Structure formats: C-alpha cells, structure tokens
Amino acid sequence: MNTGNQASTSYWATLFVGLQKLLPQHGISRLVGRLTASERTWIARPLIRAASFVFNIDLLDAERQEMDDYLSFNDFFTRALHTAARPVPEDSSWVISPVDGAISQFGNIEHGMLLQAKGNTYTLDALLGADPIAAEFNKGQFATIYLAPSDYHRVHMPFDGKLLRWIEIPGELFSVNALTETALPNLFCRNERLVCLFETGFGPALVILVGALIVASIETVFDSSPSPFVEQKTLSPESDIHLLRGEELGRFLMGSTVIVCFPPEGVTLDRNLAIGMPTRLGQALASIEA
C-alpha cells in the first residue's frame, strides 16, 4: 500500500473542496451559463474550439460534425448524436446505461445507504429530499455514472417507464469528480438535483440527475422548472408520460452525475460492472429478472 500517494491524494482532495467552498458557486455557474448560451459568433466559436481542444471532444458520432454548425456553446455541448451512434439493444430484458460516462459506484442499498466513495456513504432518504418512496428501495441496487466534460450530455431512459412524479431539490454546486467524491461527505445530497420516479414492469425505479459546478442548467423533456431550483417541490405530470428505453429524458449543460436506483427484486446489476469503467448509452447496466 502506497501511503505516500494516498496522503498526497487526500491533501489535494481536501484543498480542492476547500477552494470550492470559497467560490460563489451559483454566481459562477450563472455567469458561465450566460456566456455559453450566447449565439454571438465571437463568443460561441472560441468557446467551442477551446472546449474541443481541452477536453478532446470527438464529433464523429454527432448529428452535426462541423464545429461551425453550432449556434452556441450550449448547442454544441448538448449536441445530438446521429441515429446509428448508440443503438438500443433489441433484448428487452436489458436495462441500459442512460448516458455516456464512467461507472463511479454501484452496489446494494443497505440500511438505506449508498456508497459515494471508499469509506464514504450517504442516505437515499437525504438524496430524495425525505420523500417516503426511499423506503421501497432498501435492499435494492444502484449505479452512479459520472459524465466528464468530453462526454455526450443527454440523458436517456434506461428502461420503459411511466413518470409518476419528480422532485426538484435546490442545493450547492460542488464538482462531482473523484477528488470531491472522496473528500466531501454527502456530496450528492448537498448538490442541486432532480429526482424522477418511474413506474416500470419490475416496480418503482429512480433516475436522479445531479447538478455540479459550472452546470448552468438541468433540462428535461417534461415540464420541470428551470434550474437553478429555488425551492424543493414535488410535482406530478398533468397527463400520462410514458417514456421508452432509449428515449431522451433530459440533458446537462457541462459535466455531472446520474444515479439510477432499482427496487429489491426484479433487477440485477450487470456482473461486468467495475469502478471507473467507461460506459456508453445503450450498454448493459442491469438485467430484468424473468
């Protein structure tokens, strides 16, 4: 065991979190949001080119493959993929990854607790803003997927589901990368988030979109409030909303995290999952039990 490397990582993680606490997180995110929404060519094109270079963004799978085809940085960052880029598997027994990203954590929900990082847990009750549905997921399973800035930033349905309600929870906007996960307890419960509860063929299921530093907005295909959220609200659709596996659910502006939670029975996480494993929209995340 390399205790020197561990101590160094802990030091930098603590410093990184400390700096974030000093920042006006919402102010910075809103300022960046105004810049990234601008359709002025002299603003949009330099931002797009800079991001492409810094994050090594690949447009081969994009619907529009020329950088100058995008009206703003946000238009570029939430770019659509061409129809053949992320095929949904025909086998309906597979629950799919809802995003491109990397597996941050996965496992069982024991005593209402989820693992954030090694030695660092948080409660589902806190994550859901004390919604009573949390109790129905005890002894279930979860998967947390981190989206880096270079990733495709639309969120899709991992399963067929009927939207029962969503919870808009205001919060802070800490970075959600590995350093912050390690050093900041209850990270996902501190940050702004949108909790979506679905009725599925295997029981209730959750898809949770977690905001982060520089995330200017969380958007959905249904009529959720514009973020940043100003107060916690639990809302239900006025008419039935059924979304099929692979259909778009929402999108992030800049990188963030999606957490998917399953009930105690009916779904088993894929045995090939591993911490840090890259995943793409449409890849196997779990299987529905017969």
Foldseek 3Di string as FASTA:
>chain_A
DPVVVVVVLLVVLQVQVVVQVPDPQLVQLQVLVVQQPDQPCVRFLVVLVVLCVVVVAACPQFPDRDSVVARGNQCVQQTHGPPVSADADPPQQFQWAFFWFWWADKDFQAPQWDQLDVVAIDGPCLLQVNDPCSVQQHLWMKIKGWFASNTNWFTFGRAKWKWFKKKWAAAGAAASDPSNSVNPHPVSSHFTKMWTWTQHPQGIKIKMWTHHGSFNFKFFPDDDDTDPDPHIDMGGDPDIDIGGRGHTGIGIDHIGMIMMTDGNDFKAADPPGDRGGTGHTNHGGIGGDD
